[in-house]
PDB file of N, CA and C in Angstrom:
ATOM      1  N   MET A   1       0.842  -1.168   0.013  1.00  0.00           N
ATOM      2  CA  MET A   1       0.015  -0.008   0.001  1.00  0.00           C
ATOM      3  C   MET A   1       0.893   1.248   0.009  1.00  0.00           C
ATOM      4  N   THR A   2       0.542   2.223  -0.779  1.00  0.00           N
ATOM      5  CA  THR A   2       1.346   3.457  -0.804  1.00  0.00           C
ATOM      6  C   THR A   2       0.756   4.478   0.145  1.00  0.00           C
ATOM      7  N   GLU A   3       1.614   5.165   0.833  1.00  0.00           N
ATOM      8  CA  GLU A   3       1.169   6.204   1.752  1.00  0.00           C
ATOM      9  C   GLU A   3       0.987   7.505   1.003  1.00  0.00           C
ATOM     10  N   PRO A   4       0.011   8.328   1.428  1.00  0.00           N
ATOM     11  CA  PRO A   4      -0.197   9.595   0.723  1.00  0.00           C
ATOM     12  C   PRO A   4       1.013  10.504   0.881  1.00  0.00           C
ATOM     13  N   LYS A   5       1.275  11.298  -0.114  1.00  0.00           N
ATOM     14  CA  LYS A   5       2.375  12.231  -0.066  1.00  0.00           C
ATOM     15  C   LYS A   5       2.049  13.366   0.910  1.00  0.00           C
ATOM     16  N   PRO A   6       3.030  13.813   1.688  1.00  0.00           N
ATOM     17  CA  PRO A   6       2.762  14.893   2.641  1.00  0.00           C
ATOM     18  C   PRO A   6       2.281  16.182   1.959  1.00  0.00           C
ATOM     19  N   GLU A   7       2.801  16.480   0.760  1.00  0.00           N
ATOM     20  CA  GLU A   7       2.376  17.700   0.072  1.00  0.00           C
ATOM     21  C   GLU A   7       0.896  17.632  -0.299  1.00  0.00           C
ATOM     22  N   ALA A   8       0.457  16.453  -0.773  1.00  0.00           N
ATOM     23  CA  ALA A   8      -0.935  16.300  -1.165  1.00  0.00           C
ATOM     24  C   ALA A   8      -1.857  16.423   0.043  1.00  0.00           C
ATOM     25  N   ALA A   9      -1.469  15.813   1.154  1.00  0.00           N
ATOM     26  CA  ALA A   9      -2.280  15.900   2.351  1.00  0.00           C
ATOM     27  C   ALA A   9      -2.326  17.340   2.859  1.00  0.00           C
ATOM     28  N   ARG A  10      -1.220  18.044   2.808  1.00  0.00           N
ATOM     29  CA  ARG A  10      -1.191  19.431   3.253  1.00  0.00           C
ATOM     30  C   ARG A  10      -2.061  20.318   2.360  1.00  0.00           C
ATOM     31  N   THR A  11      -2.034  20.066   1.057  1.00  0.00           N
ATOM     32  CA  THR A  11      -2.865  20.831   0.113  1.00  0.00           C
ATOM     33  C   THR A  11      -4.345  20.586   0.410  1.00  0.00           C
ATOM     34  N   ALA A  12      -4.693  19.356   0.716  1.00  0.00           N
ATOM     35  CA  ALA A  12      -6.097  19.038   1.025  1.00  0.00           C
ATOM     36  C   ALA A  12      -6.518  19.752   2.314  1.00  0.00           C
ATOM     37  N   VAL A  13      -5.676  19.749   3.333  1.00  0.00           N
ATOM     38  CA  VAL A  13      -6.007  20.433   4.592  1.00  0.00           C
ATOM     39  C   VAL A  13      -6.128  21.922   4.375  1.00  0.00           C
ATOM     40  N   ASP A  14      -5.225  22.506   3.587  1.00  0.00           N
ATOM     41  CA  ASP A  14      -5.300  23.939   3.287  1.00  0.00           C
ATOM     42  C   ASP A  14      -6.579  24.275   2.542  1.00  0.00           C
ATOM     43  N   SER A  15      -7.011  23.401   1.668  1.00  0.00           N
ATOM     44  CA  SER A  15      -8.242  23.609   0.919  1.00  0.00           C
ATOM     45  C   SER A  15      -9.453  23.623   1.854  1.00  0.00           C
ATOM     46  N   VAL A  16      -9.480  22.719   2.795  1.00  0.00           N
ATOM     47  CA  VAL A  16     -10.593  22.643   3.755  1.00  0.00           C
ATOM     48  C   VAL A  16     -10.581  23.871   4.655  1.00  0.00           C
ATOM     49  N   VAL A  17      -9.402  24.273   5.119  1.00  0.00           N
ATOM     50  CA  VAL A  17      -9.300  25.465   5.988  1.00  0.00           C
ATOM     51  C   VAL A  17      -9.792  26.696   5.239  1.00  0.00           C
ATOM     52  N   ASN A  18      -9.395  26.845   3.979  1.00  0.00           N
ATOM     53  CA  ASN A  18      -9.855  27.971   3.181  1.00  0.00           C
ATOM     54  C   ASN A  18     -11.364  27.943   2.997  1.00  0.00           C
ATOM     55  N   ALA A  19     -11.931  26.768   2.814  1.00  0.00           N
ATOM     56  CA  ALA A  19     -13.388  26.655   2.647  1.00  0.00           C
ATOM     57  C   ALA A  19     -14.109  27.086   3.933  1.00  0.00           C
ATOM     58  N   VAL A  20     -13.596  26.664   5.079  1.00  0.00           N
ATOM     59  CA  VAL A  20     -14.212  27.054   6.361  1.00  0.00           C
ATOM     60  C   VAL A  20     -14.104  28.558   6.576  1.00  0.00           C
ATOM     61  N   ARG A  21     -12.950  29.115   6.254  1.00  0.00           N
ATOM     62  CA  ARG A  21     -12.781  30.590   6.379  1.00  0.00           C
ATOM     63  C   ARG A  21     -13.764  31.312   5.488  1.00  0.00           C
ATOM     64  N   GLY A  22     -13.965  30.810   4.277  1.00  0.00           N
ATOM     65  CA  GLY A  22     -14.904  31.421   3.362  1.00  0.00           C
ATOM     66  C   GLY A  22     -16.328  31.370   3.867  1.00  0.00           C
ATOM     67  N   LEU A  23     -16.714  30.236   4.444  1.00  0.00           N
ATOM     68  CA  LEU A  23     -18.061  30.117   4.988  1.00  0.00           C
ATOM     69  C   LEU A  23     -18.289  31.034   6.173  1.00  0.00           C
ATOM     70  N   VAL A  24     -17.274  31.161   7.035  1.00  0.00           N
ATOM     71  CA  VAL A  24     -17.401  32.085   8.163  1.00  0.00           C
ATOM     72  C   VAL A  24     -17.523  33.506   7.669  1.00  0.00           C
ATOM     73  N   SER A  25     -16.737  33.873   6.662  1.00  0.00           N
ATOM     74  CA  SER A  25     -16.793  35.210   6.099  1.00  0.00           C
ATOM     75  C   SER A  25     -18.175  35.477   5.498  1.00  0.00           C
ATOM     76  N   GLU A  26     -18.723  34.490   4.797  1.00  0.00           N
ATOM     77  CA  GLU A  26     -20.064  34.655   4.228  1.00  0.00           C
ATOM     78  C   GLU A  26     -21.091  34.811   5.351  1.00  0.00           C
ATOM     79  N   GLY A  27     -20.959  34.046   6.425  1.00  0.00           N
ATOM     80  CA  GLY A  27     -21.886  34.142   7.537  1.00  0.00           C
ATOM     81  C   GLY A  27     -21.841  35.470   8.245  1.00  0.00           C
ATOM     82  N   ILE A  28     -20.677  36.095   8.242  1.00  0.00           N
ATOM     83  CA  ILE A  28     -20.542  37.408   8.888  1.00  0.00           C
ATOM     84  C   ILE A  28     -21.045  38.500   7.972  1.00  0.00           C
ATOM     85  N   ASN A  29     -20.861  38.367   6.684  1.00  0.00           N
ATOM     86  CA  ASN A  29     -21.252  39.407   5.733  1.00  0.00           C
ATOM     87  C   ASN A  29     -22.737  39.368   5.381  1.00  0.00           C
ATOM     88  N   ARG A  30     -23.390  38.299   5.638  1.00  0.00           N
ATOM     89  CA  ARG A  30     -24.840  38.210   5.377  1.00  0.00           C
ATOM     90  C   ARG A  30     -25.573  38.329   6.687  1.00  0.00           C
ATOM     91  N   HIS A  31     -26.644  39.075   6.699  1.00  0.00           N
ATOM     92  CA  HIS A  31     -27.419  39.333   7.919  1.00  0.00           C
ATOM     93  C   HIS A  31     -28.868  38.921   7.732  1.00  0.00           C
ATOM     94  N   VAL A  32     -29.465  38.405   8.798  1.00  0.00           N
ATOM     95  CA  VAL A  32     -30.900  38.146   8.843  1.00  0.00           C
ATOM     96  C   VAL A  32     -31.503  39.387   9.454  1.00  0.00           C
ATOM     97  N   VAL A  33     -32.424  40.028   8.715  1.00  0.00           N
ATOM     98  CA  VAL A  33     -33.040  41.270   9.162  1.00  0.00           C
ATOM     99  C   VAL A  33     -34.540  41.052   9.299  1.00  0.00           C
ATOM    100  N   VAL A  34     -35.078  41.368  10.467  1.00  0.00           N
ATOM    101  CA  VAL A  34     -36.525  41.264  10.734  1.00  0.00           C
ATOM    102  C   VAL A  34     -37.054  42.690  10.815  1.00  0.00           C
ATOM    103  N   ARG A  35     -38.031  43.017   9.977  1.00  0.00           N
ATOM    104  CA  ARG A  35     -38.645  44.361   9.948  1.00  0.00           C
ATOM    105  C   ARG A  35     -40.134  44.223  10.251  1.00  0.00           C
ATOM    106  N   ASP A  36     -40.660  45.195  10.996  1.00  0.00           N
ATOM    107  CA  ASP A  36     -42.078  45.205  11.291  1.00  0.00           C
ATOM    108  C   ASP A  36     -42.872  45.783  10.134  1.00  0.00           C
ATOM    109  N   SER A  37     -44.206  45.915  10.303  1.00  0.00           N
ATOM    110  CA  SER A  37     -45.066  46.405   9.218  1.00  0.00           C
ATOM    111  C   SER A  37     -44.794  47.851   8.845  1.00  0.00           C
ATOM    112  N   LYS A  38     -44.131  48.623   9.750  1.00  0.00           N
ATOM    113  CA  LYS A  38     -43.782  50.041   9.458  1.00  0.00           C
ATOM    114  C   LYS A  38     -42.381  50.153   8.846  1.00  0.00           C
ATOM    115  N   ASP A  39     -41.773  49.011   8.516  1.00  0.00           N
ATOM    116  CA  ASP A  39     -40.449  48.931   7.902  1.00  0.00           C
ATOM    117  C   ASP A  39     -39.343  49.372   8.852  1.00  0.00           C
ATOM    118  N   ASP A  40     -39.581  49.275  10.158  1.00  0.00           N
ATOM    119  CA  ASP A  40     -38.545  49.519  11.168  1.00  0.00           C
ATOM    120  C   ASP A  40     -37.825  48.209  11.464  1.00  0.00           C
ATOM    121  N   VAL A  41     -36.517  48.257  11.657  1.00  0.00           N
ATOM    122  CA  VAL A  41     -35.740  47.058  11.939  1.00  0.00           C
ATOM    123  C   VAL A  41     -36.013  46.619  13.381  1.00  0.00           C
ATOM    124  N   VAL A  42     -36.487  45.397  13.554  1.00  0.00           N
ATOM    125  CA  VAL A  42     -36.748  44.817  14.857  1.00  0.00           C
ATOM    126  C   VAL A  42     -35.511  44.064  15.340  1.00  0.00           C
ATOM    127  N   LEU A  43     -34.880  43.322  14.418  1.00  0.00           N
ATOM    128  CA  LEU A  43     -33.748  42.467  14.777  1.00  0.00           C
ATOM    129  C   LEU A  43     -32.822  42.366  13.562  1.00  0.00           C
ATOM    130  N   GLU A  44     -31.531  42.441  13.792  1.00  0.00           N
ATOM    131  CA  GLU A  44     -30.550  42.262  12.731  1.00  0.00           C
ATOM    132  C   GLU A  44     -29.375  41.517  13.300  1.00  0.00           C
ATOM    133  N   VAL A  45     -29.124  40.298  12.806  1.00  0.00           N
ATOM    134  CA  VAL A  45     -28.018  39.486  13.275  1.00  0.00           C
ATOM    135  C   VAL A  45     -27.285  38.845  12.101  1.00  0.00           C
ATOM    136  N   PRO A  46     -25.973  38.646  12.233  1.00  0.00           N
ATOM    137  CA  PRO A  46     -25.232  37.927  11.185  1.00  0.00           C
ATOM    138  C   PRO A  46     -25.742  36.492  11.101  1.00  0.00           C
ATOM    139  N   VAL A  47     -25.704  35.932   9.902  1.00  0.00           N
ATOM    140  CA  VAL A  47     -26.177  34.563   9.689  1.00  0.00           C
ATOM    141  C   VAL A  47     -25.414  33.585  10.578  1.00  0.00           C
ATOM    142  N   ALA A  48     -24.100  33.806  10.744  1.00  0.00           N
ATOM    143  CA  ALA A  48     -23.303  32.893  11.570  1.00  0.00           C
ATOM    144  C   ALA A  48     -23.854  32.847  13.003  1.00  0.00           C
ATOM    145  N   LEU A  49     -24.222  33.991  13.548  1.00  0.00           N
ATOM    146  CA  LEU A  49     -24.780  34.022  14.889  1.00  0.00           C
ATOM    147  C   LEU A  49     -26.167  33.399  14.907  1.00  0.00           C
ATOM    148  N   GLY A  50     -26.941  33.609  13.863  1.00  0.00           N
ATOM    149  CA  GLY A  50     -28.277  33.001  13.783  1.00  0.00           C
ATOM    150  C   GLY A  50     -28.210  31.497  13.732  1.00  0.00           C
ATOM    151  N   VAL A  51     -27.258  30.950  12.980  1.00  0.00           N
ATOM    152  CA  VAL A  51     -27.088  29.496  12.912  1.00  0.00           C
ATOM    153  C   VAL A  51     -26.677  28.956  14.265  1.00  0.00           C
ATOM    154  N   PHE A  52     -25.740  29.630  14.925  1.00  0.00           N
ATOM    155  CA  PHE A  52     -25.312  29.200  16.260  1.00  0.00           C
ATOM    156  C   PHE A  52     -26.492  29.213  17.225  1.00  0.00           C
ATOM    157  N   ALA A  53     -27.307  30.266  17.186  1.00  0.00           N
ATOM    158  CA  ALA A  53     -28.472  30.366  18.087  1.00  0.00           C
ATOM    159  C   ALA A  53     -29.476  29.260  17.791  1.00  0.00           C
ATOM    160  N   ALA A  54     -29.653  28.956  16.503  1.00  0.00           N
ATOM    161  CA  ALA A  54     -30.616  27.909  16.136  1.00  0.00           C
ATOM    162  C   ALA A  54     -30.134  26.545  16.610  1.00  0.00           C
ATOM    163  N   LEU A  55     -28.832  26.312  16.609  1.00  0.00           N
ATOM    164  CA  LEU A  55     -28.307  25.040  17.090  1.00  0.00           C
ATOM    165  C   LEU A  55     -28.312  24.994  18.623  1.00  0.00           C
ATOM    166  N   ALA A  56     -28.057  26.114  19.276  1.00  0.00           N
ATOM    167  CA  ALA A  56     -27.992  26.137  20.722  1.00  0.00           C
ATOM    168  C   ALA A  56     -29.390  26.116  21.370  1.00  0.00           C
ATOM    169  N   ALA A  57     -30.344  26.818  20.753  1.00  0.00           N
ATOM    170  CA  ALA A  57     -31.706  26.886  21.308  1.00  0.00           C
ATOM    171  C   ALA A  57     -32.737  26.789  20.200  1.00  0.00           C
ATOM    172  N   PRO A  58     -32.928  25.579  19.655  1.00  0.00           N
ATOM    173  CA  PRO A  58     -33.831  25.457  18.515  1.00  0.00           C
ATOM    174  C   PRO A  58     -35.294  25.792  18.813  1.00  0.00           C
ATOM    175  N   VAL A  59     -35.747  25.489  20.025  1.00  0.00           N
ATOM    176  CA  VAL A  59     -37.148  25.774  20.375  1.00  0.00           C
ATOM    177  C   VAL A  59     -37.361  27.293  20.438  1.00  0.00           C
ATOM    178  N   ALA A  60     -36.460  28.011  21.071  1.00  0.00           N
ATOM    179  CA  ALA A  60     -36.592  29.476  21.174  1.00  0.00           C
ATOM    180  C   ALA A  60     -36.502  30.118  19.784  1.00  0.00           C
ATOM    181  N   THR A  61     -35.632  29.596  18.940  1.00  0.00           N
ATOM    182  CA  THR A  61     -35.504  30.158  17.583  1.00  0.00           C
ATOM    183  C   THR A  61     -36.801  29.935  16.791  1.00  0.00           C
ATOM    184  N   THR A  62     -37.365  28.746  16.911  1.00  0.00           N
ATOM    185  CA  THR A  62     -38.611  28.439  16.205  1.00  0.00           C
ATOM    186  C   THR A  62     -39.759  29.312  16.720  1.00  0.00           C
ATOM    187  N   ILE A  63     -39.854  29.489  18.015  1.00  0.00           N
ATOM    188  CA  ILE A  63     -40.937  30.322  18.585  1.00  0.00           C
ATOM    189  C   ILE A  63     -40.746  31.761  18.129  1.00  0.00           C
ATOM    190  N   GLY A  64     -39.509  32.263  18.138  1.00  0.00           N
ATOM    191  CA  GLY A  64     -39.246  33.644  17.698  1.00  0.00           C
ATOM    192  C   GLY A  64     -39.589  33.843  16.230  1.00  0.00           C
ATOM    193  N   ALA A  65     -39.254  32.913  15.376  1.00  0.00           N
ATOM    194  CA  ALA A  65     -39.606  33.015  13.957  1.00  0.00           C
ATOM    195  C   ALA A  65     -41.116  32.940  13.772  1.00  0.00           C
ATOM    196  N   GLY A  66     -41.761  32.107  14.522  1.00  0.00           N
ATOM    197  CA  GLY A  66     -43.240  32.019  14.449  1.00  0.00           C
ATOM    198  C   GLY A  66     -43.913  33.291  14.869  1.00  0.00           C
ATOM    199  N   VAL A  67     -43.447  33.887  15.979  1.00  0.00           N
ATOM    200  CA  VAL A  67     -44.021  35.159  16.446  1.00  0.00           C
ATOM    201  C   VAL A  67     -43.780  36.265  15.404  1.00  0.00           C
ATOM    202  N   ALA A  68     -42.589  36.269  14.797  1.00  0.00           N
ATOM    203  CA  ALA A  68     -42.296  37.299  13.767  1.00  0.00           C
ATOM    204  C   ALA A  68     -43.233  37.148  12.568  1.00  0.00           C
ATOM    205  N   LEU A  69     -43.516  35.928  12.160  1.00  0.00           N
ATOM    206  CA  LEU A  69     -44.406  35.734  11.026  1.00  0.00           C
ATOM    207  C   LEU A  69     -45.866  36.047  11.364  1.00  0.00           C
ATOM    208  N   VAL A  70     -46.300  35.677  12.589  1.00  0.00           N
ATOM    209  CA  VAL A  70     -47.675  35.944  12.996  1.00  0.00           C
ATOM    210  C   VAL A  70     -47.914  37.436  13.146  1.00  0.00           C
ATOM    211  N   SER A  71     -46.914  38.166  13.625  1.00  0.00           N
ATOM    212  CA  SER A  71     -47.071  39.616  13.813  1.00  0.00           C
ATOM    213  C   SER A  71     -46.783  40.390  12.538  1.00  0.00           C
ATOM    214  N   LYS A  72     -46.817  39.712  11.420  1.00  0.00           N
ATOM    215  CA  LYS A  72     -46.662  40.313  10.089  1.00  0.00           C
ATOM    216  C   LYS A  72     -45.341  41.047   9.916  1.00  0.00           C
ATOM    217  N   CYS A  73     -44.298  40.457  10.466  1.00  0.00           N
ATOM    218  CA  CYS A  73     -42.944  41.009  10.248  1.00  0.00           C
ATOM    219  C   CYS A  73     -42.379  40.385   8.983  1.00  0.00           C
ATOM    220  N   GLU A  74     -41.431  41.080   8.426  1.00  0.00           N
ATOM    221  CA  GLU A  74     -40.771  40.602   7.228  1.00  0.00           C
ATOM    222  C   GLU A  74     -39.372  40.125   7.592  1.00  0.00           C
ATOM    223  N   ILE A  75     -39.008  38.897   7.158  1.00  0.00           N
ATOM    224  CA  ILE A  75     -37.702  38.334   7.444  1.00  0.00           C
ATOM    225  C   ILE A  75     -36.935  38.252   6.127  1.00  0.00           C
ATOM    226  N   LYS A  76     -35.789  38.939   6.073  1.00  0.00           N
ATOM    227  CA  LYS A  76     -34.958  38.970   4.873  1.00  0.00           C
ATOM    228  C   LYS A  76     -33.539  38.552   5.169  1.00  0.00           C
ATOM    229  N   LEU A  77     -32.869  38.051   4.148  1.00  0.00           N
ATOM    230  CA  LEU A  77     -31.459  37.745   4.202  1.00  0.00           C
ATOM    231  C   LEU A  77     -30.748  38.771   3.343  1.00  0.00           C
ATOM    232  N   GLU A  78     -29.968  39.669   3.976  1.00  0.00           N
ATOM    233  CA  GLU A  78     -29.323  40.757   3.240  1.00  0.00           C
ATOM    234  C   GLU A  78     -27.818  40.546   3.193  1.00  0.00           C
ATOM    235  N   ASP A  79     -27.227  40.862   2.043  1.00  0.00           N
ATOM    236  CA  ASP A  79     -25.792  40.750   1.836  1.00  0.00           C
ATOM    237  C   ASP A  79     -25.143  42.091   2.159  1.00  0.00           C
ATOM    238  N   ARG A  80     -24.163  42.124   3.054  1.00  0.00           N
ATOM    239  CA  ARG A  80     -23.507  43.358   3.475  1.00  0.00           C
ATOM    240  C   ARG A  80     -22.117  43.500   2.918  1.00  0.00           C
ATOM    241  N   ARG A  81     -21.758  42.699   1.919  1.00  0.00           N
ATOM    242  CA  ARG A  81     -20.438  42.823   1.299  1.00  0.00           C
ATOM    243  C   ARG A  81     -20.320  44.093   0.504  1.00  0.00           C
ATOM    244  N   GLN A  82     -19.089  44.505   0.280  1.00  0.00           N
ATOM    245  CA  GLN A  82     -18.810  45.674  -0.560  1.00  0.00           C
ATOM    246  C   GLN A  82     -19.169  45.334  -2.010  1.00  0.00           C
ATOM    247  N   PRO A  83     -19.751  46.283  -2.745  1.00  0.00           N
ATOM    248  CA  PRO A  83     -20.053  46.001  -4.154  1.00  0.00           C
ATOM    249  C   PRO A  83     -18.788  45.668  -4.931  1.00  0.00           C
ATOM    250  N   GLY A  84     -18.874  44.669  -5.776  1.00  0.00           N
ATOM    251  CA  GLY A  84     -17.748  44.253  -6.607  1.00  0.00           C
ATOM    252  C   GLY A  84     -16.863  43.192  -5.995  1.00  0.00           C
ATOM    253  N   SER A  85     -17.070  42.869  -4.715  1.00  0.00           N
ATOM    254  CA  SER A  85     -16.265  41.799  -4.108  1.00  0.00           C
ATOM    255  C   SER A  85     -16.865  40.457  -4.445  1.00  0.00           C
ATOM    256  N   GLU A  86     -16.023  39.459  -4.590  1.00  0.00           N
ATOM    257  CA  GLU A  86     -16.506  38.144  -4.967  1.00  0.00           C
ATOM    258  C   GLU A  86     -16.743  37.297  -3.711  1.00  0.00           C
ATOM    259  N   PRO A  87     -17.630  36.300  -3.817  1.00  0.00           N
ATOM    260  CA  PRO A  87     -17.892  35.471  -2.649  1.00  0.00           C
ATOM    261  C   PRO A  87     -16.612  34.743  -2.194  1.00  0.00           C
ATOM    262  N   ALA A  88     -16.507  34.548  -0.883  1.00  0.00           N
ATOM    263  CA  ALA A  88     -15.310  33.929  -0.309  1.00  0.00           C
ATOM    264  C   ALA A  88     -15.410  32.412  -0.220  1.00  0.00           C
ATOM    265  N   THR A  89     -16.519  31.820  -0.692  1.00  0.00           N
ATOM    266  CA  THR A  89     -16.711  30.403  -0.535  1.00  0.00           C
ATOM    267  C   THR A  89     -16.273  29.588  -1.759  1.00  0.00           C
ATOM    268  N   THR A  90     -15.680  30.211  -2.740  1.00  0.00           N
ATOM    269  CA  THR A  90     -15.235  29.491  -3.914  1.00  0.00           C
ATOM    270  C   THR A  90     -13.971  28.732  -3.588  1.00  0.00           C
ATOM    271  N   VAL A  91     -14.034  27.416  -3.716  1.00  0.00           N
ATOM    272  CA  VAL A  91     -12.897  26.558  -3.406  1.00  0.00           C
ATOM    273  C   VAL A  91     -12.696  25.567  -4.533  1.00  0.00           C
ATOM    274  N   GLU A  92     -11.470  25.392  -4.949  1.00  0.00           N
ATOM    275  CA  GLU A  92     -11.176  24.399  -5.971  1.00  0.00           C
ATOM    276  C   GLU A  92     -10.825  23.113  -5.281  1.00  0.00           C
ATOM    277  N   SER A  93     -11.500  22.039  -5.665  1.00  0.00           N
ATOM    278  CA  SER A  93     -11.200  20.750  -5.045  1.00  0.00           C
ATOM    279  C   SER A  93     -10.074  20.062  -5.804  1.00  0.00           C
ATOM    280  N   GLU A  94      -9.328  19.272  -5.063  1.00  0.00           N
ATOM    281  CA  GLU A  94      -8.241  18.523  -5.671  1.00  0.00           C
ATOM    282  C   GLU A  94      -8.335  17.088  -5.291  1.00  0.00           C
ATOM    283  N   ARG A  95      -7.943  16.230  -6.186  1.00  0.00           N
ATOM    284  CA  ARG A  95      -7.916  14.804  -5.920  1.00  0.00           C
ATOM    285  C   ARG A  95      -6.595  14.411  -5.281  1.00  0.00           C
ATOM    286  N   ILE A  96      -6.679  13.612  -4.272  1.00  0.00           N
ATOM    287  CA  ILE A  96      -5.464  13.164  -3.575  1.00  0.00           C
ATOM    288  C   ILE A  96      -5.096  11.786  -4.074  1.00  0.00           C
TER     289      ILE A  96
END
């Protein structure tokens, strides 16, 4: 059996690390915004924080989303990146 080359393994690890960094960057740059019927912002959180809250307290997150929908609030996903910047989640995969 041949052992994997250290360079190939390192390249694969670097690729995964870059993918995770890109996903974190996307989660920070995108925000979940809840607005009431008067178009006032009720809640604005980064997607990364929203995902963490949903995993940590799924019942509270579900109740909060239900209350927002019943009270005729609008829930949007907004991108806060600078115009012209490319997404950070593009990763080229490599075969080992």
